[in-house]
Amino acid sequence: MFEYVNSKLNKNLIIDCNAELDLKGIDAKVNDVEFQVKKISHRKEAMRGLSKRKNFIQVPYAVFDISELKEKVNNPRTRNRKKYQNMLDIFQKYFEILKNGFVVFSEEYLILVIENIDDVEKLKKEIQRLHTKLIGES
């Protein structure tokens, strides 16, 4: 998907994934930016304490029970239905659920990364903003 979006945006970015990087806790490297994909936690502090390495970014990966989120949105006893609707909306924008149940990044997620790859600090802020929305903190 990365290569498809990269080509679609007419970018010339190179993604590298290998065992050597994996041993260092890096899931992928694009140019000189290192990425670690991390399953999302609903704890506020989960994305805090990120590595202080300048070009290292933890990418939140959400695996939600969509039927549970929809149930909370539609349940009149749920106090903050908007929170769950926002979580559902952002999940549906940035992730796809395959027929086998696997969750993958959507084209939108990769566009966000690729379009901001030249400004690591901006990319980190965008990723943090996405994480905040995914945990319902708006």
Protein backbone atom coordinates (compact mmCIF):
# COMPACT_ATOMS: atom_id res chain seq x y z
CA MET A 1 0.00 0.00 0.00
CA PHE A 2 2.88 2.36 0.81
CA GLU A 3 4.38 1.89 -2.64
CA TYR A 4 0.98 2.36 -4.29
CA VAL A 5 0.29 5.66 -2.45
CA ASN A 6 3.90 6.78 -2.96
CA SER A 7 3.51 6.29 -6.71
CA LYS A 8 0.04 7.86 -6.78
CA LEU A 9 1.43 11.01 -5.10
CA ASN A 10 4.38 11.04 -7.51
CA LYS A 11 6.87 10.75 -4.67
CA ASN A 12 10.17 8.96 -4.83
CA LEU A 13 10.36 7.63 -1.28
CA ILE A 14 12.03 4.36 -0.45
CA ILE A 15 10.65 2.14 2.30
CA ASP A 16 12.98 -0.29 4.00
CA CYS A 17 11.89 -3.14 6.27
CA ASN A 18 14.31 -5.85 7.31
CA ALA A 19 15.45 -8.04 10.18
CA GLU A 20 18.33 -5.71 11.10
CA LEU A 21 15.95 -2.77 11.57
CA ASP A 22 13.49 -5.00 13.41
CA LEU A 23 16.14 -5.92 15.96
CA LYS A 24 16.50 -2.20 16.68
CA GLY A 25 12.74 -1.83 17.24
CA ILE A 26 12.18 -0.20 13.87
CA ASP A 27 9.33 -1.60 11.77
CA ALA A 28 10.04 0.52 8.70
CA LYS A 29 12.36 3.24 7.56
CA VAL A 30 11.44 5.81 4.93
CA ASN A 31 14.46 7.81 3.85
CA ASP A 32 15.97 8.72 7.25
CA VAL A 33 12.70 8.55 9.23
CA GLU A 34 12.26 5.47 11.43
CA PHE A 35 8.81 4.12 12.26
CA GLN A 36 7.59 1.78 14.94
CA VAL A 37 4.02 0.58 14.62
CA LYS A 38 2.45 0.32 18.06
CA LYS A 39 -0.93 -1.10 18.94
CA ILE A 40 -3.05 1.66 20.37
CA SER A 41 -3.78 1.88 24.06
CA HIS A 42 -6.62 3.86 25.54
CA ARG A 43 -4.30 5.20 28.22
CA LYS A 44 -3.39 8.87 27.83
CA GLU A 45 0.23 8.22 28.64
CA ALA A 46 0.58 5.47 26.03
CA MET A 47 2.16 7.71 23.40
CA ARG A 48 4.11 9.75 25.93
CA GLY A 49 7.72 8.98 26.56
CA LEU A 50 8.38 8.40 22.89
CA SER A 51 11.93 7.88 21.88
CA LYS A 52 13.90 11.10 21.93
CA ARG A 53 15.58 10.18 18.64
CA LYS A 54 14.92 13.00 16.24
CA ASN A 55 13.67 10.92 13.30
CA PHE A 56 11.83 8.20 15.22
CA ILE A 57 8.03 8.06 15.12
CA GLN A 58 5.65 5.66 16.84
CA VAL A 59 2.67 5.09 14.60
CA PRO A 60 -0.55 4.17 16.42
CA TYR A 61 -2.27 1.08 15.07
CA ALA A 62 -5.89 0.68 16.15
CA VAL A 63 -7.67 -2.62 16.53
CA PHE A 64 -11.19 -1.86 17.69
CA ASP A 65 -14.29 -3.98 18.09
CA ILE A 66 -16.38 -2.02 15.61
CA SER A 67 -19.65 -3.61 16.70
CA GLU A 68 -18.93 -2.58 20.30
CA LEU A 69 -18.22 1.02 19.25
CA LYS A 70 -21.43 1.12 17.20
CA GLU A 71 -23.35 -0.31 20.15
CA LYS A 72 -22.03 2.46 22.41
CA VAL A 73 -22.92 5.10 19.82
CA ASN A 74 -26.49 3.82 19.59
CA ASN A 75 -27.03 3.10 23.28
CA PRO A 76 -29.08 5.91 24.89
CA ARG A 77 -27.45 5.09 28.25
CA THR A 78 -23.96 5.91 26.93
CA ARG A 79 -22.95 9.23 28.45
CA ASN A 80 -20.66 10.47 25.72
CA ARG A 81 -21.91 8.98 22.47
CA LYS A 82 -20.10 11.65 20.47
CA LYS A 83 -16.76 10.37 21.78
CA TYR A 84 -17.45 6.88 20.44
CA GLN A 85 -18.81 8.24 17.17
CA ASN A 86 -15.64 10.27 16.70
CA MET A 87 -13.50 7.20 17.44
CA LEU A 88 -15.51 5.18 14.94
CA ASP A 89 -15.27 7.91 12.28
CA ILE A 90 -11.51 8.35 12.62
CA PHE A 91 -10.98 4.58 12.62
CA GLN A 92 -13.03 4.20 9.44
CA LYS A 93 -11.06 7.02 7.79
CA TYR A 94 -7.57 5.74 8.57
CA PHE A 95 -7.96 1.94 8.78
CA GLU A 96 -9.54 -0.83 6.77
CA ILE A 97 -10.77 -4.19 7.97
CA LEU A 98 -10.05 -6.95 5.50
CA LYS A 99 -12.43 -9.86 4.91
CA ASN A 100 -10.21 -12.08 7.07
CA GLY A 101 -10.52 -9.60 9.96
CA PHE A 102 -7.04 -8.13 9.66
CA VAL A 103 -6.82 -4.39 10.20
CA VAL A 104 -4.55 -2.44 7.84
CA PHE A 105 -3.69 1.21 7.30
CA SER A 106 -5.89 2.92 4.74
CA GLU A 107 -4.67 5.02 1.86
CA GLU A 108 -5.62 8.13 3.90
CA TYR A 109 -3.23 7.16 6.71
CA LEU A 110 -0.35 6.69 4.31
CA ILE A 111 -1.13 9.96 2.54
CA LEU A 112 -0.88 11.69 5.92
CA VAL A 113 2.56 10.15 6.48
CA ILE A 114 3.92 10.61 2.97
CA GLU A 115 2.78 14.21 2.62
CA ASN A 116 4.47 15.14 5.91
CA ILE A 117 7.62 13.01 5.68
CA ASP A 118 9.86 15.99 4.88
CA ASP A 119 8.96 17.73 8.16
CA VAL A 120 9.42 15.19 10.94
CA GLU A 121 8.18 17.49 13.70
CA LYS A 122 4.99 18.24 11.77
CA LEU A 123 4.54 14.53 11.08
CA LYS A 124 4.95 13.75 14.79
CA LYS A 125 2.26 16.33 15.61
CA GLU A 126 -0.11 14.87 13.01
CA ILE A 127 0.46 11.35 14.35
CA GLN A 128 -0.14 12.58 17.93
CA ARG A 129 -3.34 14.33 16.79
CA LEU A 130 -4.52 11.10 15.18
CA HIS A 131 -3.69 9.10 18.31
CA THR A 132 -5.61 11.56 20.50
CA LYS A 133 -8.70 11.20 18.30
CA LEU A 134 -8.44 7.42 18.22
CA ILE A 135 -8.53 7.21 22.01
CA GLY A 136 -11.52 9.53 22.12
CA GLU A 137 -9.74 12.50 23.62
CA SER A 138 -10.67 14.73 20.67
